[in-house]
């Protein structure tokens, strides 16, 4: 399948449109992860380039499905930064078995 239309993320953010991205885990982890990371980079660049202030920008909702698969250290910084650009982040963390958090010991 070839994409016949260019997706303009800047216009989507400006017009307050809804963005749904399915990165199709059934096609393989490598392909799905690569596509989601590519989309995330493109989306992040569009978000930080939005004109206006946090009070004048239209709100946008960014939903990430299967978040534990895509979890990386830079994501926390993006969540904090996106608030300034009026972008709300929602993530699906189920199933929790995919989380590979280091074990801590109480002192």
N, C-alpha and C. Protein backbone atom coordinates (compact mmCIF):
# COMPACT_ATOMS: atom_id res chain seq x y z
N UNK A 1 0.85 -1.17 0.00
CA UNK A 1 0.00 0.00 0.00
C UNK A 1 0.90 1.24 0.00
N UNK A 2 0.57 2.18 -0.86
CA UNK A 2 1.32 3.43 -0.93
C UNK A 2 0.43 4.57 -0.44
N UNK A 3 1.04 5.49 0.27
CA UNK A 3 0.32 6.64 0.78
C UNK A 3 0.11 7.64 -0.35
N UNK A 4 -1.15 7.94 -0.65
CA UNK A 4 -1.42 8.86 -1.75
C UNK A 4 -1.64 10.30 -1.27
N UNK A 5 -1.70 10.50 0.03
CA UNK A 5 -1.91 11.82 0.60
C UNK A 5 -0.83 12.09 1.63
N UNK A 6 -0.31 13.29 1.62
CA UNK A 6 0.69 13.69 2.61
C UNK A 6 -0.04 14.11 3.87
N UNK A 7 0.44 13.62 5.00
CA UNK A 7 -0.16 13.97 6.28
C UNK A 7 0.59 15.19 6.82
N UNK A 8 -0.13 16.29 6.98
CA UNK A 8 0.45 17.54 7.46
C UNK A 8 0.13 17.67 8.95
N UNK A 9 1.06 17.27 9.79
CA UNK A 9 0.84 17.28 11.24
C UNK A 9 0.66 18.71 11.73
N UNK A 10 1.36 19.67 11.14
CA UNK A 10 1.19 21.07 11.53
C UNK A 10 -0.26 21.52 11.34
N UNK A 11 -0.84 21.15 10.22
CA UNK A 11 -2.23 21.52 9.93
C UNK A 11 -3.19 20.80 10.87
N UNK A 12 -2.91 19.56 11.17
CA UNK A 12 -3.75 18.80 12.10
C UNK A 12 -3.79 19.49 13.46
N UNK A 13 -2.63 19.92 13.94
CA UNK A 13 -2.56 20.61 15.22
C UNK A 13 -3.26 21.97 15.15
N UNK A 14 -3.05 22.69 14.06
CA UNK A 14 -3.64 24.02 13.90
C UNK A 14 -5.17 23.96 13.84
N UNK A 15 -5.70 22.94 13.15
CA UNK A 15 -7.15 22.83 12.97
C UNK A 15 -7.84 22.07 14.10
N UNK A 16 -7.08 21.56 15.06
CA UNK A 16 -7.68 20.82 16.16
C UNK A 16 -8.26 19.49 15.74
N UNK A 17 -7.68 18.88 14.71
CA UNK A 17 -8.17 17.59 14.22
C UNK A 17 -7.71 16.46 15.14
N UNK A 18 -8.29 15.31 14.95
CA UNK A 18 -7.94 14.12 15.73
C UNK A 18 -6.96 13.28 14.92
N UNK A 19 -5.93 12.79 15.59
CA UNK A 19 -4.94 11.94 14.94
C UNK A 19 -4.98 10.55 15.57
N UNK A 20 -5.16 9.55 14.74
CA UNK A 20 -5.14 8.16 15.20
C UNK A 20 -4.07 7.45 14.40
N UNK A 21 -3.15 6.81 15.10
CA UNK A 21 -2.07 6.09 14.44
C UNK A 21 -2.09 4.64 14.92
N UNK A 22 -2.16 3.73 13.97
CA UNK A 22 -2.11 2.31 14.29
C UNK A 22 -0.79 1.78 13.73
N UNK A 23 0.09 1.37 14.60
CA UNK A 23 1.39 0.92 14.12
C UNK A 23 1.47 -0.58 14.01
N UNK A 24 0.36 -1.27 14.03
CA UNK A 24 0.19 -2.67 13.62
C UNK A 24 1.24 -3.64 14.17
N UNK A 25 1.10 -3.96 15.43
CA UNK A 25 2.02 -4.93 16.04
C UNK A 25 1.99 -6.28 15.33
N UNK A 26 0.85 -6.60 14.71
CA UNK A 26 0.74 -7.90 14.04
C UNK A 26 1.67 -8.03 12.83
N UNK A 27 2.21 -6.90 12.35
CA UNK A 27 3.14 -6.95 11.24
C UNK A 27 4.58 -7.21 11.69
N UNK A 28 4.79 -7.18 12.99
CA UNK A 28 6.12 -7.45 13.53
C UNK A 28 6.58 -6.34 14.44
N UNK A 29 7.26 -6.71 15.51
CA UNK A 29 7.72 -5.74 16.50
C UNK A 29 8.69 -4.72 15.91
N UNK A 30 9.61 -5.17 15.11
CA UNK A 30 10.61 -4.26 14.54
C UNK A 30 9.95 -3.20 13.68
N UNK A 31 9.06 -3.60 12.77
CA UNK A 31 8.39 -2.66 11.88
C UNK A 31 7.47 -1.72 12.65
N UNK A 32 6.72 -2.27 13.60
CA UNK A 32 5.78 -1.46 14.37
C UNK A 32 6.52 -0.43 15.21
N UNK A 33 7.58 -0.83 15.86
CA UNK A 33 8.35 0.08 16.70
C UNK A 33 9.01 1.16 15.85
N UNK A 34 9.57 0.77 14.72
CA UNK A 34 10.21 1.74 13.84
C UNK A 34 9.21 2.78 13.34
N UNK A 35 8.01 2.34 12.95
CA UNK A 35 7.00 3.28 12.47
C UNK A 35 6.57 4.22 13.58
N UNK A 36 6.32 3.70 14.77
CA UNK A 36 5.88 4.55 15.88
C UNK A 36 6.95 5.56 16.25
N UNK A 37 8.20 5.15 16.27
CA UNK A 37 9.28 6.09 16.59
C UNK A 37 9.41 7.16 15.50
N UNK A 38 9.24 6.77 14.25
CA UNK A 38 9.26 7.74 13.15
C UNK A 38 8.12 8.75 13.31
N UNK A 39 6.92 8.23 13.60
CA UNK A 39 5.78 9.13 13.79
C UNK A 39 6.01 10.04 14.99
N UNK A 40 6.51 9.49 16.09
CA UNK A 40 6.75 10.28 17.30
C UNK A 40 7.71 11.43 17.03
N UNK A 41 8.78 11.16 16.31
CA UNK A 41 9.74 12.23 15.99
C UNK A 41 9.08 13.32 15.15
N UNK A 42 8.30 12.93 14.16
CA UNK A 42 7.61 13.89 13.31
C UNK A 42 6.60 14.69 14.11
N UNK A 43 5.85 13.99 14.97
CA UNK A 43 4.83 14.65 15.80
C UNK A 43 5.49 15.61 16.78
N UNK A 44 6.56 15.18 17.42
CA UNK A 44 7.26 16.03 18.40
C UNK A 44 7.77 17.30 17.74
N UNK A 45 8.33 17.19 16.53
CA UNK A 45 8.82 18.37 15.82
C UNK A 45 7.68 19.34 15.52
N UNK A 46 6.53 18.80 15.14
CA UNK A 46 5.37 19.66 14.85
C UNK A 46 4.87 20.34 16.12
N UNK A 47 4.85 19.62 17.23
CA UNK A 47 4.36 20.17 18.50
C UNK A 47 5.23 21.34 18.94
N UNK A 48 6.54 21.16 18.96
CA UNK A 48 7.41 22.24 19.45
C UNK A 48 7.47 23.42 18.49
N UNK A 49 7.01 23.24 17.26
CA UNK A 49 6.98 24.33 16.30
C UNK A 49 5.66 25.07 16.26
N UNK A 50 4.72 24.71 17.14
CA UNK A 50 3.40 25.36 17.15
C UNK A 50 3.53 26.82 17.55
N UNK A 51 2.91 27.72 16.79
CA UNK A 51 2.92 29.13 17.20
C UNK A 51 1.97 29.38 18.36
N UNK A 52 2.16 30.49 19.03
CA UNK A 52 1.27 30.86 20.12
C UNK A 52 1.86 30.52 21.47
N UNK A 53 0.98 30.55 22.47
CA UNK A 53 1.38 30.23 23.84
C UNK A 53 0.55 29.06 24.34
N UNK A 54 0.88 28.60 25.54
CA UNK A 54 0.10 27.49 26.09
C UNK A 54 -1.35 27.89 26.32
N UNK A 55 -1.65 29.18 26.34
CA UNK A 55 -3.01 29.65 26.56
C UNK A 55 -3.77 29.89 25.25
N UNK A 56 -3.05 30.02 24.13
CA UNK A 56 -3.72 30.32 22.86
C UNK A 56 -3.75 29.14 21.89
N UNK A 57 -2.95 28.11 22.13
CA UNK A 57 -2.93 26.95 21.23
C UNK A 57 -4.16 26.08 21.49
N UNK A 58 -4.73 25.53 20.40
CA UNK A 58 -5.83 24.58 20.56
C UNK A 58 -5.29 23.34 21.27
N UNK A 59 -6.08 22.75 22.15
CA UNK A 59 -5.62 21.52 22.80
C UNK A 59 -5.57 20.36 21.81
N UNK A 60 -4.64 19.47 22.04
CA UNK A 60 -4.52 18.27 21.20
C UNK A 60 -4.31 17.08 22.13
N UNK A 61 -4.86 15.95 21.75
CA UNK A 61 -4.76 14.75 22.57
C UNK A 61 -3.97 13.69 21.81
N UNK A 62 -2.91 13.24 22.44
CA UNK A 62 -1.98 12.28 21.83
C UNK A 62 -2.12 10.97 22.59
N UNK A 63 -2.67 9.96 21.93
CA UNK A 63 -2.90 8.65 22.54
C UNK A 63 -1.88 7.66 22.01
N UNK A 64 -1.16 7.02 22.92
CA UNK A 64 -0.15 6.03 22.54
C UNK A 64 -0.61 4.68 23.04
N UNK A 65 -0.90 3.78 22.12
CA UNK A 65 -1.31 2.42 22.46
C UNK A 65 -0.05 1.57 22.64
N UNK A 66 -0.16 0.57 23.48
CA UNK A 66 0.97 -0.34 23.73
C UNK A 66 2.22 0.42 24.16
N UNK A 67 2.05 1.37 25.06
CA UNK A 67 3.14 2.25 25.48
C UNK A 67 4.37 1.53 26.03
N UNK A 68 4.22 0.45 26.82
CA UNK A 68 5.43 -0.20 27.35
C UNK A 68 6.41 -0.66 26.28
N UNK A 69 5.92 -0.96 25.10
CA UNK A 69 6.80 -1.40 24.01
C UNK A 69 7.68 -0.24 23.55
N UNK A 70 7.14 0.97 23.60
CA UNK A 70 7.84 2.14 23.08
C UNK A 70 8.53 2.96 24.16
N UNK A 71 8.45 2.51 25.39
CA UNK A 71 8.97 3.27 26.52
C UNK A 71 10.48 3.49 26.39
N UNK A 72 10.88 4.74 26.52
CA UNK A 72 12.30 5.07 26.54
C UNK A 72 12.50 6.29 27.44
N UNK A 73 13.71 6.56 27.80
CA UNK A 73 13.99 7.59 28.80
C UNK A 73 13.57 8.99 28.37
N UNK A 74 13.55 9.28 27.09
CA UNK A 74 13.18 10.62 26.62
C UNK A 74 11.68 10.90 26.73
N UNK A 75 10.88 9.86 26.89
CA UNK A 75 9.43 10.04 26.93
C UNK A 75 8.99 10.92 28.09
N UNK A 76 9.62 10.78 29.25
CA UNK A 76 9.26 11.60 30.40
C UNK A 76 9.46 13.08 30.10
N UNK A 77 10.54 13.41 29.43
CA UNK A 77 10.81 14.80 29.06
C UNK A 77 9.73 15.32 28.11
N UNK A 78 9.29 14.48 27.17
CA UNK A 78 8.25 14.90 26.24
C UNK A 78 6.94 15.18 26.95
N UNK A 79 6.58 14.33 27.91
CA UNK A 79 5.34 14.55 28.65
C UNK A 79 5.36 15.89 29.35
N UNK A 80 6.48 16.22 29.96
CA UNK A 80 6.61 17.50 30.66
C UNK A 80 6.57 18.66 29.67
N UNK A 81 7.28 18.55 28.58
CA UNK A 81 7.36 19.62 27.60
C UNK A 81 6.02 19.83 26.88
N UNK A 82 5.29 18.77 26.58
CA UNK A 82 4.05 18.88 25.83
C UNK A 82 3.00 19.72 26.55
N UNK A 83 3.06 19.77 27.88
CA UNK A 83 2.09 20.60 28.61
C UNK A 83 2.17 22.05 28.18
N UNK A 84 3.38 22.53 27.91
CA UNK A 84 3.57 23.92 27.48
C UNK A 84 2.95 24.17 26.10
N UNK A 85 2.78 23.10 25.33
CA UNK A 85 2.25 23.23 23.97
C UNK A 85 0.79 22.79 23.89
N UNK A 86 0.15 22.61 25.06
CA UNK A 86 -1.27 22.27 25.15
C UNK A 86 -1.58 20.92 24.49
N UNK A 87 -0.68 19.96 24.69
CA UNK A 87 -0.88 18.61 24.19
C UNK A 87 -0.98 17.67 25.38
N UNK A 88 -2.08 16.95 25.44
CA UNK A 88 -2.30 15.98 26.52
C UNK A 88 -1.85 14.60 26.05
N UNK A 89 -1.11 13.91 26.90
CA UNK A 89 -0.64 12.57 26.57
C UNK A 89 -1.46 11.53 27.32
N UNK A 90 -1.94 10.55 26.59
CA UNK A 90 -2.65 9.41 27.19
C UNK A 90 -1.95 8.16 26.69
N UNK A 91 -1.71 7.25 27.62
CA UNK A 91 -1.00 6.03 27.23
C UNK A 91 -1.73 4.80 27.75
N UNK A 92 -1.63 3.74 26.97
CA UNK A 92 -2.18 2.45 27.37
C UNK A 92 -1.01 1.62 27.89
N UNK A 93 -1.10 1.22 29.15
CA UNK A 93 0.01 0.48 29.76
C UNK A 93 -0.29 -1.00 29.97
N UNK A 94 -1.41 -1.49 29.48
CA UNK A 94 -1.76 -2.89 29.67
C UNK A 94 -1.19 -3.71 28.52
N UNK A 95 -0.82 -4.92 28.72
CA UNK A 95 -0.72 -5.61 30.00
C UNK A 95 0.55 -5.23 30.74
N UNK A 96 0.45 -5.18 32.04
CA UNK A 96 1.58 -4.71 32.86
C UNK A 96 2.75 -5.68 32.85
N UNK A 97 2.57 -6.89 32.38
CA UNK A 97 3.66 -7.86 32.32
C UNK A 97 4.78 -7.41 31.39
N UNK A 98 4.47 -6.49 30.48
CA UNK A 98 5.50 -6.02 29.54
C UNK A 98 6.46 -5.03 30.17
N UNK A 99 6.09 -4.45 31.28
CA UNK A 99 6.98 -3.50 31.95
C UNK A 99 8.18 -4.25 32.50
N UNK A 100 9.33 -3.75 32.25
CA UNK A 100 10.55 -4.37 32.80
C UNK A 100 11.22 -3.36 33.70
N UNK A 101 10.59 -3.13 34.84
CA UNK A 101 11.10 -2.17 35.79
C UNK A 101 12.13 -2.84 36.70
N UNK A 102 13.20 -2.15 37.03
CA UNK A 102 14.18 -2.73 37.94
C UNK A 102 13.57 -2.91 39.33
N UNK A 103 13.94 -3.98 39.99
CA UNK A 103 13.46 -4.25 41.33
C UNK A 103 14.19 -3.36 42.33
N UNK A 104 13.44 -2.82 43.28
CA UNK A 104 14.06 -2.00 44.33
C UNK A 104 13.86 -2.70 45.65
N UNK A 105 14.74 -2.40 46.57
CA UNK A 105 14.68 -3.01 47.88
C UNK A 105 14.47 -1.91 48.92
N UNK A 106 13.51 -2.15 49.81
CA UNK A 106 13.25 -1.17 50.88
C UNK A 106 14.39 -1.20 51.86
N UNK A 107 14.77 -0.03 52.35
CA UNK A 107 15.87 0.08 53.30
C UNK A 107 15.31 0.23 54.69
